[in-house]
Amino acid sequence: MSVSSPASGTPSVSAPAAAPSQADLLAFVRRVAADTRVIDSLPLDPEGRTWVRLDGPGGSEAWLIGWPPGTGTGWHDHADSLGAFLTARGELTEHSLAARLPTDGWKTLELTDGVDRVRRLPAGRGRSFGHHHVHEVLNESATEHAVSVHAYYPPLPRIRRFSRTGQVLRLEQVERPEDWQ
């Protein structure tokens, strides 16, 4: 497995024999999270999240991410990509929606009661998810950094970012790979 910084570009990855499944992605993030050499290689910044890109299985996109205390992603999805992530150090919290949202053609949705889910993910715990999974991930600690490993297949074609007020979810922006690489 090679590690590169976001500024150095994408490492070469050979063509996959078969597309990785959610289980394959979860197994990969578990292996990486257990590799203390890789986890220790991530530079941590007290002010903002840091990340390095990893070679994922079968042509997947993978990231090692550092989370300073009190940081988070905001509400977002990963479009048509499957994904998995696992906390390697510290603890993360995931808020997610147990509802399938329309993929396009809307700006504002009113969510029904009972769609909210919360998962606490201490070191060694993670999860996989399917297409169009809407969530936010947070490091709620006031003092401790968290580090996590993420993998997506196919590589992220876009991320939709949302704001949320009560039960109202609003599409705010669509990001493409060039926006975060």
N, C-alpha and C. Protein backbone atom coordinates (compact mmCIF):
# COMPACT_ATOMS: atom_id res chain seq x y z
N MET A 1 0.86 -1.17 0.00
CA MET A 1 0.00 0.00 0.00
C MET A 1 0.90 1.22 0.00
N SER A 2 0.60 2.15 -0.89
CA SER A 2 1.39 3.38 -0.90
C SER A 2 0.55 4.51 -0.34
N VAL A 3 1.22 5.50 0.17
CA VAL A 3 0.55 6.67 0.74
C VAL A 3 1.08 7.89 0.00
N SER A 4 0.19 8.79 -0.39
CA SER A 4 0.61 10.04 -1.00
C SER A 4 -0.20 11.17 -0.40
N SER A 5 0.36 12.36 -0.45
CA SER A 5 -0.38 13.51 0.06
C SER A 5 -1.37 13.97 -0.99
N PRO A 6 -2.42 14.71 -0.59
CA PRO A 6 -3.39 15.19 -1.56
C PRO A 6 -2.73 16.00 -2.67
N ALA A 7 -1.68 16.72 -2.37
CA ALA A 7 -1.05 17.58 -3.36
C ALA A 7 -0.23 16.79 -4.38
N SER A 8 0.17 15.56 -4.04
CA SER A 8 1.05 14.83 -4.94
C SER A 8 0.30 14.05 -6.00
N GLY A 9 -1.01 14.06 -5.99
CA GLY A 9 -1.77 13.37 -7.03
C GLY A 9 -2.20 11.99 -6.62
N THR A 10 -2.75 11.29 -7.56
CA THR A 10 -3.32 9.97 -7.32
C THR A 10 -2.29 8.90 -7.64
N PRO A 11 -2.04 7.97 -6.71
CA PRO A 11 -1.13 6.88 -7.01
C PRO A 11 -1.74 5.99 -8.09
N SER A 12 -0.90 5.33 -8.86
CA SER A 12 -1.43 4.45 -9.88
C SER A 12 -2.02 3.21 -9.23
N VAL A 13 -3.13 2.76 -9.79
CA VAL A 13 -3.83 1.59 -9.27
C VAL A 13 -4.15 0.72 -10.47
N SER A 14 -3.84 -0.57 -10.40
CA SER A 14 -4.12 -1.45 -11.52
C SER A 14 -5.63 -1.70 -11.63
N ALA A 15 -6.06 -2.09 -12.82
CA ALA A 15 -7.48 -2.33 -13.07
C ALA A 15 -7.97 -3.48 -12.21
N PRO A 16 -9.16 -3.34 -11.62
CA PRO A 16 -9.66 -4.38 -10.73
C PRO A 16 -10.11 -5.62 -11.51
N ALA A 17 -9.88 -6.80 -10.91
CA ALA A 17 -10.39 -8.04 -11.49
C ALA A 17 -11.90 -8.08 -11.29
N ALA A 18 -12.36 -7.63 -10.14
CA ALA A 18 -13.79 -7.54 -9.84
C ALA A 18 -13.98 -6.34 -8.93
N ALA A 19 -15.11 -5.69 -9.08
CA ALA A 19 -15.40 -4.52 -8.25
C ALA A 19 -15.45 -4.94 -6.79
N PRO A 20 -14.82 -4.18 -5.89
CA PRO A 20 -14.89 -4.52 -4.47
C PRO A 20 -16.31 -4.30 -3.93
N SER A 21 -16.70 -5.17 -3.03
CA SER A 21 -18.00 -5.08 -2.37
C SER A 21 -17.88 -4.23 -1.11
N GLN A 22 -19.01 -3.96 -0.46
CA GLN A 22 -18.96 -3.26 0.83
C GLN A 22 -18.12 -4.05 1.81
N ALA A 23 -18.24 -5.37 1.81
CA ALA A 23 -17.45 -6.21 2.73
C ALA A 23 -15.96 -6.09 2.43
N ASP A 24 -15.59 -6.04 1.14
CA ASP A 24 -14.18 -5.88 0.76
C ASP A 24 -13.65 -4.54 1.25
N LEU A 25 -14.44 -3.48 1.08
CA LEU A 25 -14.01 -2.16 1.52
C LEU A 25 -13.85 -2.11 3.04
N LEU A 26 -14.78 -2.73 3.76
CA LEU A 26 -14.68 -2.76 5.22
C LEU A 26 -13.46 -3.56 5.67
N ALA A 27 -13.18 -4.68 5.02
CA ALA A 27 -12.00 -5.48 5.37
C ALA A 27 -10.73 -4.65 5.12
N PHE A 28 -10.69 -3.90 4.03
CA PHE A 28 -9.54 -3.06 3.73
C PHE A 28 -9.33 -2.00 4.82
N VAL A 29 -10.39 -1.26 5.19
CA VAL A 29 -10.21 -0.20 6.19
C VAL A 29 -9.81 -0.79 7.54
N ARG A 30 -10.28 -2.00 7.85
CA ARG A 30 -9.85 -2.67 9.09
C ARG A 30 -8.34 -2.97 9.07
N ARG A 31 -7.86 -3.50 7.94
CA ARG A 31 -6.42 -3.82 7.82
C ARG A 31 -5.58 -2.56 7.95
N VAL A 32 -5.97 -1.50 7.26
CA VAL A 32 -5.18 -0.26 7.31
C VAL A 32 -5.20 0.33 8.72
N ALA A 33 -6.36 0.34 9.35
CA ALA A 33 -6.48 0.91 10.70
C ALA A 33 -5.61 0.16 11.71
N ALA A 34 -5.36 -1.11 11.45
CA ALA A 34 -4.53 -1.91 12.36
C ALA A 34 -3.03 -1.70 12.12
N ASP A 35 -2.67 -1.01 11.04
CA ASP A 35 -1.26 -0.78 10.69
C ASP A 35 -0.80 0.52 11.34
N THR A 36 -0.17 0.43 12.50
CA THR A 36 0.22 1.63 13.24
C THR A 36 1.21 2.49 12.47
N ARG A 37 2.03 1.88 11.62
CA ARG A 37 2.98 2.65 10.80
C ARG A 37 2.22 3.61 9.88
N VAL A 38 1.18 3.13 9.24
CA VAL A 38 0.40 3.99 8.34
C VAL A 38 -0.35 5.04 9.15
N ILE A 39 -0.98 4.65 10.24
CA ILE A 39 -1.75 5.59 11.07
C ILE A 39 -0.83 6.68 11.61
N ASP A 40 0.37 6.29 12.07
CA ASP A 40 1.33 7.26 12.61
C ASP A 40 1.89 8.20 11.54
N SER A 41 1.78 7.83 10.27
CA SER A 41 2.33 8.66 9.19
C SER A 41 1.48 9.90 8.90
N LEU A 42 0.26 9.94 9.41
CA LEU A 42 -0.63 11.06 9.12
C LEU A 42 -0.25 12.28 9.95
N PRO A 43 0.08 13.40 9.29
CA PRO A 43 0.34 14.62 10.06
C PRO A 43 -0.98 15.16 10.62
N LEU A 44 -0.98 15.50 11.90
CA LEU A 44 -2.19 16.02 12.54
C LEU A 44 -2.06 17.53 12.72
N ASP A 45 -3.14 18.23 12.45
CA ASP A 45 -3.18 19.69 12.56
C ASP A 45 -4.21 20.03 13.63
N PRO A 46 -3.88 20.85 14.61
CA PRO A 46 -4.85 21.17 15.67
C PRO A 46 -6.02 22.01 15.17
N GLU A 47 -5.90 22.62 14.00
CA GLU A 47 -6.94 23.53 13.51
C GLU A 47 -7.89 22.92 12.50
N GLY A 48 -7.45 21.97 11.70
CA GLY A 48 -8.31 21.46 10.63
C GLY A 48 -8.00 20.01 10.32
N ARG A 49 -8.92 19.40 9.59
CA ARG A 49 -8.73 18.00 9.20
C ARG A 49 -7.54 17.88 8.25
N THR A 50 -6.85 16.77 8.34
CA THR A 50 -5.76 16.44 7.43
C THR A 50 -6.08 15.11 6.78
N TRP A 51 -5.45 14.85 5.62
CA TRP A 51 -5.72 13.59 4.94
C TRP A 51 -4.58 13.24 4.00
N VAL A 52 -4.47 11.95 3.75
CA VAL A 52 -3.61 11.43 2.70
C VAL A 52 -4.40 10.38 1.94
N ARG A 53 -4.12 10.30 0.66
CA ARG A 53 -4.79 9.32 -0.18
C ARG A 53 -4.03 8.00 -0.12
N LEU A 54 -4.78 6.90 -0.12
CA LEU A 54 -4.20 5.56 -0.08
C LEU A 54 -4.61 4.79 -1.33
N ASP A 55 -3.87 3.74 -1.66
CA ASP A 55 -4.29 2.81 -2.71
C ASP A 55 -5.34 1.89 -2.10
N GLY A 56 -6.54 1.94 -2.63
CA GLY A 56 -7.61 1.07 -2.15
C GLY A 56 -7.69 -0.21 -2.96
N PRO A 57 -8.47 -1.17 -2.51
CA PRO A 57 -8.58 -2.44 -3.23
C PRO A 57 -9.39 -2.29 -4.51
N GLY A 58 -8.98 -3.00 -5.55
CA GLY A 58 -9.76 -3.09 -6.77
C GLY A 58 -10.07 -1.77 -7.44
N GLY A 59 -9.16 -0.80 -7.35
CA GLY A 59 -9.40 0.49 -7.98
C GLY A 59 -10.25 1.43 -7.16
N SER A 60 -10.47 1.13 -5.91
CA SER A 60 -11.27 2.01 -5.05
C SER A 60 -10.45 3.22 -4.63
N GLU A 61 -11.13 4.23 -4.17
CA GLU A 61 -10.52 5.45 -3.64
C GLU A 61 -10.48 5.30 -2.12
N ALA A 62 -9.34 5.59 -1.51
CA ALA A 62 -9.23 5.43 -0.05
C ALA A 62 -8.49 6.63 0.54
N TRP A 63 -8.83 6.94 1.79
CA TRP A 63 -8.27 8.10 2.48
C TRP A 63 -8.00 7.77 3.94
N LEU A 64 -6.92 8.34 4.46
CA LEU A 64 -6.62 8.35 5.88
C LEU A 64 -6.89 9.78 6.32
N ILE A 65 -7.76 9.96 7.33
CA ILE A 65 -8.21 11.30 7.71
C ILE A 65 -7.97 11.55 9.20
N GLY A 66 -7.41 12.72 9.51
CA GLY A 66 -7.23 13.15 10.90
C GLY A 66 -8.28 14.19 11.24
N TRP A 67 -8.87 14.05 12.42
CA TRP A 67 -9.97 14.89 12.89
C TRP A 67 -9.58 15.58 14.19
N PRO A 68 -9.29 16.87 14.17
CA PRO A 68 -9.05 17.57 15.43
C PRO A 68 -10.32 17.58 16.28
N PRO A 69 -10.19 17.83 17.57
CA PRO A 69 -11.37 17.92 18.43
C PRO A 69 -12.39 18.90 17.87
N GLY A 70 -13.66 18.49 17.90
CA GLY A 70 -14.75 19.37 17.51
C GLY A 70 -14.98 19.53 16.02
N THR A 71 -14.32 18.74 15.17
CA THR A 71 -14.51 18.89 13.73
C THR A 71 -15.49 17.86 13.17
N GLY A 72 -16.00 18.14 11.99
CA GLY A 72 -16.93 17.22 11.34
C GLY A 72 -17.05 17.52 9.86
N THR A 73 -17.82 16.69 9.19
CA THR A 73 -17.97 16.79 7.74
C THR A 73 -19.15 17.64 7.30
N GLY A 74 -20.15 17.81 8.15
CA GLY A 74 -21.42 18.33 7.68
C GLY A 74 -22.17 17.21 6.96
N TRP A 75 -23.45 17.42 6.71
CA TRP A 75 -24.28 16.42 6.03
C TRP A 75 -23.85 16.31 4.58
N HIS A 76 -23.68 15.06 4.09
CA HIS A 76 -23.27 14.83 2.70
C HIS A 76 -23.61 13.40 2.29
N ASP A 77 -23.50 13.13 1.00
CA ASP A 77 -23.56 11.75 0.51
C ASP A 77 -22.39 11.51 -0.43
N HIS A 78 -22.27 10.28 -0.93
CA HIS A 78 -21.17 9.90 -1.81
C HIS A 78 -21.68 9.45 -3.17
N ALA A 79 -22.83 9.98 -3.58
CA ALA A 79 -23.41 9.69 -4.89
C ALA A 79 -23.53 8.19 -5.12
N ASP A 80 -23.01 7.71 -6.23
CA ASP A 80 -23.19 6.31 -6.62
C ASP A 80 -22.14 5.36 -6.05
N SER A 81 -21.34 5.82 -5.12
CA SER A 81 -20.27 4.99 -4.56
C SER A 81 -20.73 4.22 -3.32
N LEU A 82 -20.25 2.98 -3.21
CA LEU A 82 -20.33 2.23 -1.96
C LEU A 82 -19.20 2.73 -1.08
N GLY A 83 -19.30 2.53 0.21
CA GLY A 83 -18.21 2.99 1.06
C GLY A 83 -18.09 2.22 2.35
N ALA A 84 -16.98 2.47 3.02
CA ALA A 84 -16.73 1.93 4.36
C ALA A 84 -15.76 2.86 5.05
N PHE A 85 -15.91 2.98 6.36
CA PHE A 85 -14.92 3.72 7.15
C PHE A 85 -14.83 3.11 8.53
N LEU A 86 -13.66 3.33 9.15
CA LEU A 86 -13.40 2.75 10.46
C LEU A 86 -12.52 3.72 11.24
N THR A 87 -12.81 3.87 12.52
CA THR A 87 -12.02 4.74 13.39
C THR A 87 -10.77 3.96 13.82
N ALA A 88 -9.61 4.54 13.56
CA ALA A 88 -8.35 3.92 13.95
C ALA A 88 -7.88 4.40 15.32
N ARG A 89 -8.17 5.68 15.63
CA ARG A 89 -7.82 6.27 16.93
C ARG A 89 -8.92 7.22 17.35
N GLY A 90 -9.11 7.35 18.64
CA GLY A 90 -10.14 8.26 19.15
C GLY A 90 -11.53 7.68 18.96
N GLU A 91 -12.50 8.56 18.80
CA GLU A 91 -13.89 8.13 18.60
C GLU A 91 -14.58 9.12 17.66
N LEU A 92 -15.33 8.59 16.73
CA LEU A 92 -16.16 9.39 15.84
C LEU A 92 -17.62 9.07 16.08
N THR A 93 -18.47 10.01 15.74
CA THR A 93 -19.92 9.81 15.80
C THR A 93 -20.47 10.00 14.40
N GLU A 94 -21.33 9.10 13.98
CA GLU A 94 -21.98 9.23 12.68
C GLU A 94 -23.47 9.43 12.90
N HIS A 95 -24.00 10.52 12.33
CA HIS A 95 -25.44 10.75 12.24
C HIS A 95 -25.81 10.40 10.80
N SER A 96 -26.83 9.57 10.61
CA SER A 96 -27.22 9.18 9.26
C SER A 96 -28.73 9.15 9.14
N LEU A 97 -29.17 9.05 7.91
CA LEU A 97 -30.61 8.98 7.61
C LEU A 97 -30.94 7.59 7.11
N ALA A 98 -31.93 6.96 7.71
CA ALA A 98 -32.41 5.65 7.27
C ALA A 98 -33.52 5.87 6.26
N ALA A 99 -33.18 6.54 5.18
CA ALA A 99 -34.15 6.83 4.12
C ALA A 99 -33.39 7.02 2.83
N ARG A 100 -33.95 6.56 1.75
CA ARG A 100 -33.35 6.77 0.43
C ARG A 100 -33.86 8.10 -0.12
N LEU A 101 -32.93 8.98 -0.45
CA LEU A 101 -33.30 10.28 -1.00
C LEU A 101 -33.29 10.21 -2.53
N PRO A 102 -34.09 11.05 -3.18
CA PRO A 102 -33.99 11.12 -4.63
C PRO A 102 -32.58 11.53 -5.03
N THR A 103 -32.08 11.01 -6.14
CA THR A 103 -30.71 11.31 -6.52
C THR A 103 -30.55 12.69 -7.14
N ASP A 104 -31.55 13.18 -7.82
CA ASP A 104 -31.45 14.49 -8.47
C ASP A 104 -32.82 15.15 -8.54
N GLY A 105 -32.81 16.44 -8.89
CA GLY A 105 -34.06 17.14 -9.18
C GLY A 105 -34.75 17.75 -7.97
N TRP A 106 -34.05 17.95 -6.86
CA TRP A 106 -34.66 18.56 -5.69
C TRP A 106 -33.65 19.49 -5.01
N LYS A 107 -34.17 20.44 -4.28
CA LYS A 107 -33.34 21.36 -3.49
C LYS A 107 -33.66 21.26 -2.01
N THR A 108 -34.92 20.96 -1.66
CA THR A 108 -35.34 20.90 -0.27
C THR A 108 -36.25 19.69 -0.07
N LEU A 109 -36.00 18.94 1.00
CA LEU A 109 -36.84 17.79 1.36
C LEU A 109 -37.24 17.90 2.81
N GLU A 110 -38.47 17.53 3.12
CA GLU A 110 -38.89 17.41 4.50
C GLU A 110 -38.79 15.95 4.90
N LEU A 111 -37.99 15.68 5.91
CA LEU A 111 -37.76 14.31 6.37
C LEU A 111 -38.89 13.86 7.29
N THR A 112 -39.20 12.59 7.23
CA THR A 112 -40.22 12.05 8.13
C THR A 112 -39.60 11.72 9.48
N ASP A 113 -40.44 11.60 10.49
CA ASP A 113 -39.96 11.20 11.81
C ASP A 113 -39.39 9.78 11.74
N GLY A 114 -38.41 9.51 12.59
CA GLY A 114 -37.87 8.16 12.70
C GLY A 114 -36.77 7.81 11.71
N VAL A 115 -36.29 8.75 10.91
CA VAL A 115 -35.25 8.42 9.94
C VAL A 115 -33.83 8.63 10.48
N ASP A 116 -33.70 9.28 11.62
CA ASP A 116 -32.37 9.58 12.16
C ASP A 116 -31.76 8.38 12.87
N ARG A 117 -30.47 8.16 12.60
CA ARG A 117 -29.69 7.12 13.25
C ARG A 117 -28.41 7.76 13.78
N VAL A 118 -27.92 7.27 14.93
CA VAL A 118 -26.66 7.74 15.51
C VAL A 118 -25.83 6.52 15.86
N ARG A 119 -24.56 6.54 15.45
CA ARG A 119 -23.63 5.47 15.79
C ARG A 119 -22.39 6.09 16.42
N ARG A 120 -21.96 5.55 17.52
CA ARG A 120 -20.68 5.92 18.14
C ARG A 120 -19.67 4.90 17.64
N LEU A 121 -18.55 5.40 17.14
CA LEU A 121 -17.55 4.52 16.55
C LEU A 121 -16.19 4.75 17.21
N PRO A 122 -15.94 4.07 18.34
CA PRO A 122 -14.62 4.17 18.98
C PRO A 122 -13.58 3.44 18.13
N ALA A 123 -12.32 3.57 18.50
CA ALA A 123 -11.24 2.92 17.76
C ALA A 123 -11.56 1.44 17.56
N GLY A 124 -11.37 0.98 16.31
CA GLY A 124 -11.64 -0.41 15.96
C GLY A 124 -13.03 -0.68 15.44
N ARG A 125 -13.91 0.32 15.51
CA ARG A 125 -15.28 0.15 15.01
C ARG A 125 -15.48 0.98 13.76
N GLY A 126 -16.26 0.43 12.87
CA GLY A 126 -16.56 1.12 11.62
C GLY A 126 -17.82 0.56 11.01
N ARG A 127 -18.03 0.91 9.74
CA ARG A 127 -19.22 0.43 9.06
C ARG A 127 -19.05 0.59 7.57
N SER A 128 -19.88 -0.13 6.86
CA SER A 128 -19.95 0.03 5.41
C SER A 128 -21.33 0.58 5.07
N PHE A 129 -21.47 1.11 3.86
CA PHE A 129 -22.76 1.67 3.45
C PHE A 129 -22.91 1.59 1.94
N GLY A 130 -24.16 1.70 1.51
CA GLY A 130 -24.48 1.59 0.09
C GLY A 130 -24.56 2.93 -0.61
N HIS A 131 -25.04 2.89 -1.82
CA HIS A 131 -25.18 4.08 -2.66
C HIS A 131 -26.06 5.13 -1.99
N HIS A 132 -25.72 6.39 -2.18
CA HIS A 132 -26.52 7.54 -1.75
C HIS A 132 -26.77 7.58 -0.24
N HIS A 133 -25.83 7.08 0.54
CA HIS A 133 -25.92 7.10 2.00
C HIS A 133 -25.68 8.53 2.48
N VAL A 134 -26.65 9.11 3.17
CA VAL A 134 -26.54 10.50 3.66
C VAL A 134 -26.16 10.46 5.13
N HIS A 135 -25.05 11.18 5.45
CA HIS A 135 -24.60 11.18 6.84
C HIS A 135 -23.71 12.39 7.11
N GLU A 136 -23.40 12.56 8.40
CA GLU A 136 -22.34 13.47 8.82
C GLU A 136 -21.51 12.72 9.84
N VAL A 137 -20.21 12.99 9.84
CA VAL A 137 -19.28 12.33 10.75
C VAL A 137 -18.62 13.42 11.58
N LEU A 138 -18.54 13.19 12.90
CA LEU A 138 -18.05 14.20 13.84
C LEU A 138 -17.05 13.61 14.82
N ASN A 139 -16.07 14.42 15.19
CA ASN A 139 -15.23 14.12 16.35
C ASN A 139 -15.76 15.03 17.45
N GLU A 140 -16.54 14.49 18.35
CA GLU A 140 -17.18 15.29 19.39
C GLU A 140 -16.30 15.49 20.61
N SER A 141 -15.11 14.92 20.61
CA SER A 141 -14.19 15.11 21.74
C SER A 141 -13.76 16.57 21.82
N ALA A 142 -13.62 17.05 23.03
CA ALA A 142 -13.12 18.41 23.24
C ALA A 142 -11.59 18.46 23.31
N THR A 143 -10.95 17.28 23.43
CA THR A 143 -9.50 17.28 23.66
C THR A 143 -8.71 16.31 22.78
N GLU A 144 -9.31 15.30 22.21
CA GLU A 144 -8.56 14.24 21.52
C GLU A 144 -8.78 14.24 20.01
N HIS A 145 -7.68 14.10 19.26
CA HIS A 145 -7.76 13.86 17.82
C HIS A 145 -8.36 12.48 17.57
N ALA A 146 -9.00 12.31 16.45
CA ALA A 146 -9.41 11.00 15.96
C ALA A 146 -8.76 10.80 14.60
N VAL A 147 -8.55 9.56 14.23
CA VAL A 147 -8.01 9.20 12.92
C VAL A 147 -8.89 8.09 12.37
N SER A 148 -9.23 8.19 11.08
CA SER A 148 -10.09 7.17 10.46
C SER A 148 -9.57 6.83 9.08
N VAL A 149 -10.03 5.67 8.58
CA VAL A 149 -9.70 5.18 7.25
C VAL A 149 -11.00 5.03 6.48
N HIS A 150 -11.04 5.50 5.22
CA HIS A 150 -12.24 5.49 4.39
C HIS A 150 -11.92 4.88 3.04
N ALA A 151 -12.87 4.16 2.44
CA ALA A 151 -12.70 3.62 1.08
C ALA A 151 -14.03 3.70 0.35
N TYR A 152 -13.97 4.01 -0.96
CA TYR A 152 -15.17 4.19 -1.78
C TYR A 152 -14.96 3.53 -3.14
N TYR A 153 -16.01 2.88 -3.63
CA TYR A 153 -15.99 2.32 -4.98
C TYR A 153 -17.36 2.47 -5.61
N PRO A 154 -17.40 2.94 -6.84
CA PRO A 154 -16.27 3.45 -7.61
C PRO A 154 -15.73 4.74 -6.97
N PRO A 155 -14.52 5.17 -7.40
CA PRO A 155 -13.99 6.42 -6.86
C PRO A 155 -15.05 7.52 -6.95
N LEU A 156 -15.08 8.37 -5.95
CA LEU A 156 -16.16 9.35 -5.82
C LEU A 156 -16.33 10.23 -7.06
N PRO A 157 -17.51 10.15 -7.71
CA PRO A 157 -17.76 11.02 -8.85
C PRO A 157 -18.21 12.41 -8.42
N ARG A 158 -18.78 12.47 -7.21
CA ARG A 158 -19.24 13.75 -6.67
C ARG A 158 -19.64 13.53 -5.22
N ILE A 159 -19.73 14.62 -4.47
CA ILE A 159 -20.28 14.61 -3.11
C ILE A 159 -21.33 15.71 -3.08
N ARG A 160 -22.52 15.36 -2.64
CA ARG A 160 -23.54 16.39 -2.45
C ARG A 160 -23.50 16.81 -1.00
N ARG A 161 -23.46 18.12 -0.75
CA ARG A 161 -23.43 18.68 0.61
C ARG A 161 -24.79 19.28 0.92
N PHE A 162 -25.24 19.03 2.17
CA PHE A 162 -26.56 19.45 2.61
C PHE A 162 -26.48 20.29 3.87
N SER A 163 -27.48 21.11 4.10
CA SER A 163 -27.67 21.74 5.40
C SER A 163 -28.95 21.13 5.96
N ARG A 164 -29.07 21.19 7.27
CA ARG A 164 -30.25 20.62 7.90
C ARG A 164 -30.72 21.53 9.01
N THR A 165 -32.03 21.82 8.98
CA THR A 165 -32.69 22.55 10.05
C THR A 165 -33.91 21.74 10.44
N GLY A 166 -33.86 21.16 11.64
CA GLY A 166 -34.97 20.30 12.05
C GLY A 166 -35.12 19.14 11.08
N GLN A 167 -36.33 19.01 10.53
CA GLN A 167 -36.61 17.92 9.59
C GLN A 167 -36.42 18.33 8.13
N VAL A 168 -35.88 19.53 7.90
CA VAL A 168 -35.71 20.01 6.52
C VAL A 168 -34.25 19.85 6.10
N LEU A 169 -34.05 19.13 5.01
CA LEU A 169 -32.73 18.91 4.42
C LEU A 169 -32.67 19.70 3.12
N ARG A 170 -31.63 20.51 2.98
CA ARG A 170 -31.50 21.36 1.79
C ARG A 170 -30.17 21.05 1.09
N LEU A 171 -30.24 20.82 -0.22
CA LEU A 171 -29.05 20.63 -1.03
C LEU A 171 -28.36 21.98 -1.17
N GLU A 172 -27.09 22.06 -0.74
CA GLU A 172 -26.35 23.32 -0.76
C GLU A 172 -25.34 23.39 -1.90
N GLN A 173 -24.64 22.29 -2.17
CA GLN A 173 -23.64 22.32 -3.23
C GLN A 173 -23.28 20.91 -3.65
N VAL A 174 -22.74 20.80 -4.85
CA VAL A 174 -22.24 19.54 -5.38
C VAL A 174 -20.76 19.73 -5.65
N GLU A 175 -19.93 18.86 -5.05
CA GLU A 175 -18.48 18.92 -5.25
C GLU A 175 -18.05 17.80 -6.18
N ARG A 176 -17.06 18.06 -6.97
CA ARG A 176 -16.46 17.07 -7.88
C ARG A 176 -15.05 16.76 -7.37
N PRO A 177 -14.44 15.67 -7.84
CA PRO A 177 -13.11 15.28 -7.35
C PRO A 177 -12.07 16.40 -7.36
N GLU A 178 -12.08 17.26 -8.35
CA GLU A 178 -11.09 18.33 -8.40
C GLU A 178 -11.24 19.31 -7.24
N ASP A 179 -12.39 19.30 -6.55
CA ASP A 179 -12.61 20.20 -5.42
C ASP A 179 -11.91 19.72 -4.14
N TRP A 180 -11.59 18.43 -4.02
CA TRP A 180 -10.99 17.94 -2.77
C TRP A 180 -9.67 17.23 -2.98
N GLN A 181 -9.19 17.10 -4.18
CA GLN A 181 -7.91 16.39 -4.40
C GLN A 181 -6.76 17.34 -4.56
